[in-house]
Amino acid sequence: DKEVRAIFLRLFAQLFQGYRSCLQLIRIHAEPVIHFHKAAFLGQRGLIENDFLTKVLNGMAFAGFVSERGPPFRTCDLFDELVAFEVERIKAEEGNPPKMIKHVRELAEQLFKN
């Protein structure tokens, strides 16, 4: 169970890499609103024509993700660490299944400890 969660964690870390740079905090209301600039995100990644990612970004689950993870001063977690520091490692492991499995097991262990 933890290893499956670790695989999905890696997948979403790769998929949403750089999402924080496309967040915009709008303070014209009493309560600040967080806006995600989808076109900028897709343009940065060269995925403007990608139907799957466009549908993911337009979904309600992603809107909830942005509202939960958008505030600038919130506690960081394992996902944030993966997005910030481990994406290059994940890319390097794509051609090396033993290293990928080792990393998945490390993530599973961290998930188990949490």
N, C-alpha and C. Protein backbone atom coordinates (compact mmCIF):
# COMPACT_ATOMS: atom_id res chain seq x y z
N ASP A 1 0.83 -1.19 0.00
CA ASP A 1 0.00 0.00 0.00
C ASP A 1 0.87 1.26 0.00
N LYS A 2 1.88 1.28 0.85
CA LYS A 2 2.74 2.47 0.93
C LYS A 2 3.57 2.64 -0.33
N GLU A 3 3.97 1.53 -0.94
CA GLU A 3 4.75 1.63 -2.18
C GLU A 3 3.90 2.16 -3.33
N VAL A 4 2.64 1.78 -3.39
CA VAL A 4 1.74 2.32 -4.42
C VAL A 4 1.56 3.81 -4.20
N ARG A 5 1.38 4.23 -2.96
CA ARG A 5 1.27 5.66 -2.65
C ARG A 5 2.55 6.40 -3.02
N ALA A 6 3.70 5.76 -2.78
CA ALA A 6 4.99 6.38 -3.12
C ALA A 6 5.12 6.57 -4.63
N ILE A 7 4.64 5.60 -5.41
CA ILE A 7 4.70 5.71 -6.87
C ILE A 7 3.82 6.87 -7.35
N PHE A 8 2.62 6.98 -6.78
CA PHE A 8 1.75 8.10 -7.15
C PHE A 8 2.35 9.43 -6.71
N LEU A 9 3.00 9.44 -5.57
CA LEU A 9 3.66 10.66 -5.08
C LEU A 9 4.73 11.11 -6.08
N ARG A 10 5.54 10.17 -6.54
CA ARG A 10 6.56 10.48 -7.55
C ARG A 10 5.93 10.98 -8.85
N LEU A 11 4.86 10.32 -9.29
CA LEU A 11 4.19 10.70 -10.53
C LEU A 11 3.68 12.14 -10.45
N PHE A 12 2.98 12.47 -9.37
CA PHE A 12 2.42 13.81 -9.25
C PHE A 12 3.51 14.86 -9.02
N ALA A 13 4.61 14.49 -8.38
CA ALA A 13 5.72 15.42 -8.23
C ALA A 13 6.29 15.78 -9.60
N GLN A 14 6.42 14.79 -10.47
CA GLN A 14 6.91 15.05 -11.83
C GLN A 14 5.89 15.85 -12.62
N LEU A 15 4.64 15.47 -12.51
CA LEU A 15 3.58 16.10 -13.28
C LEU A 15 3.40 17.58 -12.91
N PHE A 16 3.49 17.89 -11.63
CA PHE A 16 3.23 19.26 -11.17
C PHE A 16 4.50 20.05 -10.86
N GLN A 17 5.64 19.56 -11.31
CA GLN A 17 6.89 20.27 -11.09
C GLN A 17 6.78 21.70 -11.61
N GLY A 18 7.11 22.66 -10.77
CA GLY A 18 7.09 24.07 -11.16
C GLY A 18 5.74 24.74 -10.99
N TYR A 19 4.78 24.06 -10.39
CA TYR A 19 3.43 24.65 -10.26
C TYR A 19 3.45 25.90 -9.38
N ARG A 20 4.32 25.96 -8.38
CA ARG A 20 4.31 27.09 -7.45
C ARG A 20 4.70 28.40 -8.15
N SER A 21 5.50 28.30 -9.20
CA SER A 21 5.88 29.53 -9.91
C SER A 21 4.71 30.12 -10.70
N CYS A 22 3.64 29.35 -10.86
CA CYS A 22 2.47 29.82 -11.61
C CYS A 22 1.31 30.19 -10.69
N LEU A 23 1.55 30.23 -9.40
CA LEU A 23 0.52 30.65 -8.45
C LEU A 23 0.57 32.16 -8.29
N GLN A 24 -0.57 32.76 -8.18
CA GLN A 24 -0.67 34.20 -8.02
C GLN A 24 -1.62 34.49 -6.86
N LEU A 25 -1.16 35.23 -5.89
CA LEU A 25 -1.97 35.59 -4.74
C LEU A 25 -2.63 36.94 -5.01
N ILE A 26 -3.95 36.94 -5.03
CA ILE A 26 -4.71 38.16 -5.32
C ILE A 26 -5.30 38.66 -4.00
N ARG A 27 -4.98 39.89 -3.64
CA ARG A 27 -5.40 40.44 -2.35
C ARG A 27 -6.40 41.58 -2.47
N ILE A 28 -7.30 41.54 -3.43
CA ILE A 28 -8.28 42.62 -3.54
C ILE A 28 -9.52 42.36 -2.70
N HIS A 29 -9.67 41.14 -2.21
CA HIS A 29 -10.80 40.81 -1.36
C HIS A 29 -10.33 40.77 0.10
N ALA A 30 -11.27 40.70 1.01
CA ALA A 30 -10.90 40.59 2.43
C ALA A 30 -10.08 39.32 2.66
N GLU A 31 -10.47 38.26 1.98
CA GLU A 31 -9.74 36.99 2.06
C GLU A 31 -8.93 36.82 0.76
N PRO A 32 -7.60 36.66 0.85
CA PRO A 32 -6.80 36.50 -0.37
C PRO A 32 -7.26 35.29 -1.19
N VAL A 33 -7.17 35.43 -2.51
CA VAL A 33 -7.55 34.37 -3.44
C VAL A 33 -6.30 33.92 -4.17
N ILE A 34 -6.16 32.61 -4.33
CA ILE A 34 -5.00 32.07 -5.04
C ILE A 34 -5.45 31.66 -6.43
N HIS A 35 -4.76 32.18 -7.43
CA HIS A 35 -5.07 31.88 -8.83
C HIS A 35 -3.90 31.11 -9.43
N PHE A 36 -4.20 30.05 -10.18
CA PHE A 36 -3.18 29.28 -10.88
C PHE A 36 -3.21 29.65 -12.34
N HIS A 37 -2.10 30.08 -12.87
CA HIS A 37 -2.00 30.50 -14.27
C HIS A 37 -1.67 29.26 -15.12
N LYS A 38 -2.72 28.62 -15.63
CA LYS A 38 -2.58 27.36 -16.37
C LYS A 38 -1.77 27.51 -17.64
N ALA A 39 -2.03 28.58 -18.39
CA ALA A 39 -1.33 28.77 -19.67
C ALA A 39 0.18 28.92 -19.44
N ALA A 40 0.56 29.63 -18.41
CA ALA A 40 1.99 29.79 -18.11
C ALA A 40 2.61 28.45 -17.73
N PHE A 41 1.90 27.69 -16.92
CA PHE A 41 2.41 26.38 -16.51
C PHE A 41 2.59 25.46 -17.70
N LEU A 42 1.58 25.37 -18.55
CA LEU A 42 1.68 24.52 -19.74
C LEU A 42 2.75 25.02 -20.69
N GLY A 43 2.88 26.34 -20.82
CA GLY A 43 3.90 26.92 -21.69
C GLY A 43 5.31 26.63 -21.19
N GLN A 44 5.53 26.73 -19.89
CA GLN A 44 6.85 26.45 -19.31
C GLN A 44 7.28 25.02 -19.59
N ARG A 45 6.32 24.13 -19.56
CA ARG A 45 6.61 22.70 -19.72
C ARG A 45 6.54 22.26 -21.19
N GLY A 46 6.13 23.16 -22.09
CA GLY A 46 6.00 22.81 -23.50
C GLY A 46 4.87 21.82 -23.74
N LEU A 47 3.80 21.94 -22.93
CA LEU A 47 2.70 20.99 -23.01
C LEU A 47 1.36 21.66 -23.31
N ILE A 48 1.40 22.74 -24.07
CA ILE A 48 0.18 23.49 -24.36
C ILE A 48 -0.84 22.62 -25.07
N GLU A 49 -0.40 21.72 -25.92
CA GLU A 49 -1.30 20.86 -26.70
C GLU A 49 -1.66 19.57 -25.97
N ASN A 50 -1.19 19.36 -24.75
CA ASN A 50 -1.43 18.11 -24.02
C ASN A 50 -2.83 18.09 -23.43
N ASP A 51 -3.72 17.30 -24.02
CA ASP A 51 -5.11 17.23 -23.57
C ASP A 51 -5.24 16.67 -22.16
N PHE A 52 -4.45 15.64 -21.84
CA PHE A 52 -4.56 15.02 -20.52
C PHE A 52 -4.24 16.01 -19.41
N LEU A 53 -3.09 16.67 -19.51
CA LEU A 53 -2.69 17.61 -18.46
C LEU A 53 -3.65 18.80 -18.39
N THR A 54 -4.14 19.25 -19.52
CA THR A 54 -5.11 20.35 -19.53
C THR A 54 -6.37 19.94 -18.77
N LYS A 55 -6.84 18.72 -18.99
CA LYS A 55 -8.02 18.24 -18.27
C LYS A 55 -7.75 18.09 -16.78
N VAL A 56 -6.56 17.64 -16.44
CA VAL A 56 -6.20 17.52 -15.02
C VAL A 56 -6.23 18.90 -14.36
N LEU A 57 -5.64 19.88 -15.02
CA LEU A 57 -5.56 21.24 -14.46
C LEU A 57 -6.93 21.90 -14.38
N ASN A 58 -7.87 21.51 -15.23
CA ASN A 58 -9.22 22.07 -15.21
C ASN A 58 -10.14 21.37 -14.22
N GLY A 59 -9.68 20.28 -13.64
CA GLY A 59 -10.52 19.49 -12.74
C GLY A 59 -10.67 20.10 -11.35
N MET A 60 -11.72 19.67 -10.67
CA MET A 60 -11.99 20.15 -9.32
C MET A 60 -10.92 19.68 -8.33
N ALA A 61 -10.36 18.50 -8.55
CA ALA A 61 -9.32 17.99 -7.66
C ALA A 61 -8.10 18.90 -7.69
N PHE A 62 -7.74 19.38 -8.88
CA PHE A 62 -6.59 20.28 -8.97
C PHE A 62 -6.89 21.63 -8.33
N ALA A 63 -8.12 22.10 -8.47
CA ALA A 63 -8.51 23.36 -7.82
C ALA A 63 -8.38 23.22 -6.30
N GLY A 64 -8.77 22.09 -5.77
CA GLY A 64 -8.60 21.83 -4.34
C GLY A 64 -7.14 21.75 -3.96
N PHE A 65 -6.34 21.13 -4.82
CA PHE A 65 -4.90 21.03 -4.60
C PHE A 65 -4.29 22.42 -4.50
N VAL A 66 -4.65 23.31 -5.42
CA VAL A 66 -4.12 24.68 -5.43
C VAL A 66 -4.55 25.45 -4.18
N SER A 67 -5.82 25.32 -3.81
CA SER A 67 -6.28 26.08 -2.65
C SER A 67 -5.65 25.57 -1.36
N GLU A 68 -5.35 24.27 -1.31
CA GLU A 68 -4.72 23.71 -0.12
C GLU A 68 -3.23 23.99 -0.06
N ARG A 69 -2.56 23.90 -1.19
CA ARG A 69 -1.10 24.03 -1.23
C ARG A 69 -0.62 25.40 -1.69
N GLY A 70 -1.54 26.28 -2.05
CA GLY A 70 -1.17 27.58 -2.57
C GLY A 70 -0.66 28.59 -1.57
N PRO A 71 -1.21 28.61 -0.34
CA PRO A 71 -0.75 29.64 0.59
C PRO A 71 0.76 29.62 0.79
N PRO A 72 1.39 30.79 0.74
CA PRO A 72 2.84 30.83 0.79
C PRO A 72 3.44 30.43 2.14
N PHE A 73 2.72 30.62 3.23
CA PHE A 73 3.28 30.32 4.55
C PHE A 73 2.53 29.16 5.17
N ARG A 74 2.78 27.98 4.67
CA ARG A 74 2.15 26.78 5.20
C ARG A 74 3.25 25.76 5.46
N THR A 75 2.92 24.76 6.24
CA THR A 75 3.88 23.72 6.56
C THR A 75 4.15 22.88 5.32
N CYS A 76 5.43 22.65 5.03
CA CYS A 76 5.81 21.83 3.89
C CYS A 76 5.79 20.35 4.30
N ASP A 77 5.61 19.49 3.32
CA ASP A 77 5.56 18.06 3.59
C ASP A 77 6.40 17.30 2.57
N LEU A 78 6.26 15.99 2.57
CA LEU A 78 7.06 15.14 1.69
C LEU A 78 6.85 15.48 0.21
N PHE A 79 5.63 15.77 -0.19
CA PHE A 79 5.35 16.14 -1.58
C PHE A 79 6.12 17.40 -1.97
N ASP A 80 6.10 18.41 -1.10
CA ASP A 80 6.81 19.65 -1.39
C ASP A 80 8.31 19.41 -1.54
N GLU A 81 8.85 18.55 -0.70
CA GLU A 81 10.27 18.22 -0.79
C GLU A 81 10.58 17.52 -2.11
N LEU A 82 9.70 16.62 -2.53
CA LEU A 82 9.90 15.94 -3.81
C LEU A 82 9.88 16.92 -4.98
N VAL A 83 8.89 17.80 -4.99
CA VAL A 83 8.76 18.77 -6.07
C VAL A 83 9.96 19.72 -6.09
N ALA A 84 10.41 20.13 -4.92
CA ALA A 84 11.49 21.12 -4.85
C ALA A 84 12.88 20.53 -5.08
N PHE A 85 13.12 19.32 -4.55
CA PHE A 85 14.49 18.83 -4.54
C PHE A 85 14.75 17.52 -5.27
N GLU A 86 13.72 16.72 -5.49
CA GLU A 86 13.94 15.37 -5.99
C GLU A 86 13.56 15.14 -7.44
N VAL A 87 13.02 16.12 -8.12
CA VAL A 87 12.54 15.89 -9.49
C VAL A 87 13.69 15.50 -10.42
N GLU A 88 14.84 16.11 -10.24
CA GLU A 88 16.00 15.75 -11.08
C GLU A 88 16.42 14.31 -10.81
N ARG A 89 16.37 13.91 -9.55
CA ARG A 89 16.69 12.52 -9.20
C ARG A 89 15.70 11.57 -9.86
N ILE A 90 14.43 11.92 -9.83
CA ILE A 90 13.40 11.08 -10.43
C ILE A 90 13.63 10.95 -11.94
N LYS A 91 13.98 12.05 -12.59
CA LYS A 91 14.26 12.01 -14.03
C LYS A 91 15.47 11.12 -14.33
N ALA A 92 16.51 11.22 -13.49
CA ALA A 92 17.72 10.42 -13.70
C ALA A 92 17.45 8.93 -13.51
N GLU A 93 16.48 8.60 -12.67
CA GLU A 93 16.18 7.19 -12.38
C GLU A 93 15.29 6.54 -13.43
N GLU A 94 14.75 7.31 -14.37
CA GLU A 94 13.82 6.76 -15.35
C GLU A 94 14.41 5.60 -16.14
N GLY A 95 15.69 5.65 -16.44
CA GLY A 95 16.32 4.58 -17.20
C GLY A 95 16.96 3.52 -16.34
N ASN A 96 16.79 3.62 -15.02
CA ASN A 96 17.45 2.68 -14.12
C ASN A 96 16.44 2.12 -13.11
N PRO A 97 15.74 1.05 -13.48
CA PRO A 97 14.70 0.50 -12.59
C PRO A 97 15.16 0.15 -11.17
N PRO A 98 16.36 -0.41 -10.96
CA PRO A 98 16.75 -0.70 -9.57
C PRO A 98 16.83 0.56 -8.70
N LYS A 99 17.34 1.65 -9.25
CA LYS A 99 17.41 2.90 -8.49
C LYS A 99 16.01 3.44 -8.23
N MET A 100 15.13 3.32 -9.22
CA MET A 100 13.76 3.80 -9.07
C MET A 100 13.05 3.02 -7.96
N ILE A 101 13.22 1.71 -7.95
CA ILE A 101 12.60 0.87 -6.93
C ILE A 101 13.15 1.21 -5.55
N LYS A 102 14.45 1.47 -5.49
CA LYS A 102 15.06 1.85 -4.20
C LYS A 102 14.45 3.16 -3.69
N HIS A 103 14.28 4.13 -4.58
CA HIS A 103 13.69 5.41 -4.19
C HIS A 103 12.24 5.25 -3.77
N VAL A 104 11.48 4.42 -4.48
CA VAL A 104 10.09 4.16 -4.12
C VAL A 104 10.03 3.55 -2.72
N ARG A 105 10.93 2.63 -2.44
CA ARG A 105 10.94 2.01 -1.10
C ARG A 105 11.32 3.02 -0.02
N GLU A 106 12.25 3.93 -0.33
CA GLU A 106 12.60 4.98 0.63
C GLU A 106 11.39 5.88 0.91
N LEU A 107 10.68 6.26 -0.15
CA LEU A 107 9.48 7.08 0.02
C LEU A 107 8.41 6.33 0.80
N ALA A 108 8.26 5.05 0.51
CA ALA A 108 7.27 4.24 1.22
C ALA A 108 7.60 4.19 2.71
N GLU A 109 8.87 4.09 3.02
CA GLU A 109 9.29 4.08 4.43
C GLU A 109 8.96 5.42 5.11
N GLN A 110 9.21 6.51 4.40
CA GLN A 110 8.87 7.84 4.95
C GLN A 110 7.37 7.98 5.14
N LEU A 111 6.58 7.48 4.19
CA LEU A 111 5.13 7.52 4.33
C LEU A 111 4.69 6.66 5.51
N PHE A 112 5.33 5.54 5.71
CA PHE A 112 5.00 4.67 6.84
C PHE A 112 5.29 5.36 8.17
N LYS A 113 6.39 6.09 8.23
CA LYS A 113 6.76 6.80 9.48
C LYS A 113 5.77 7.92 9.77
N ASN A 114 5.23 8.55 8.73
CA ASN A 114 4.26 9.63 8.94
C ASN A 114 2.95 9.05 9.38
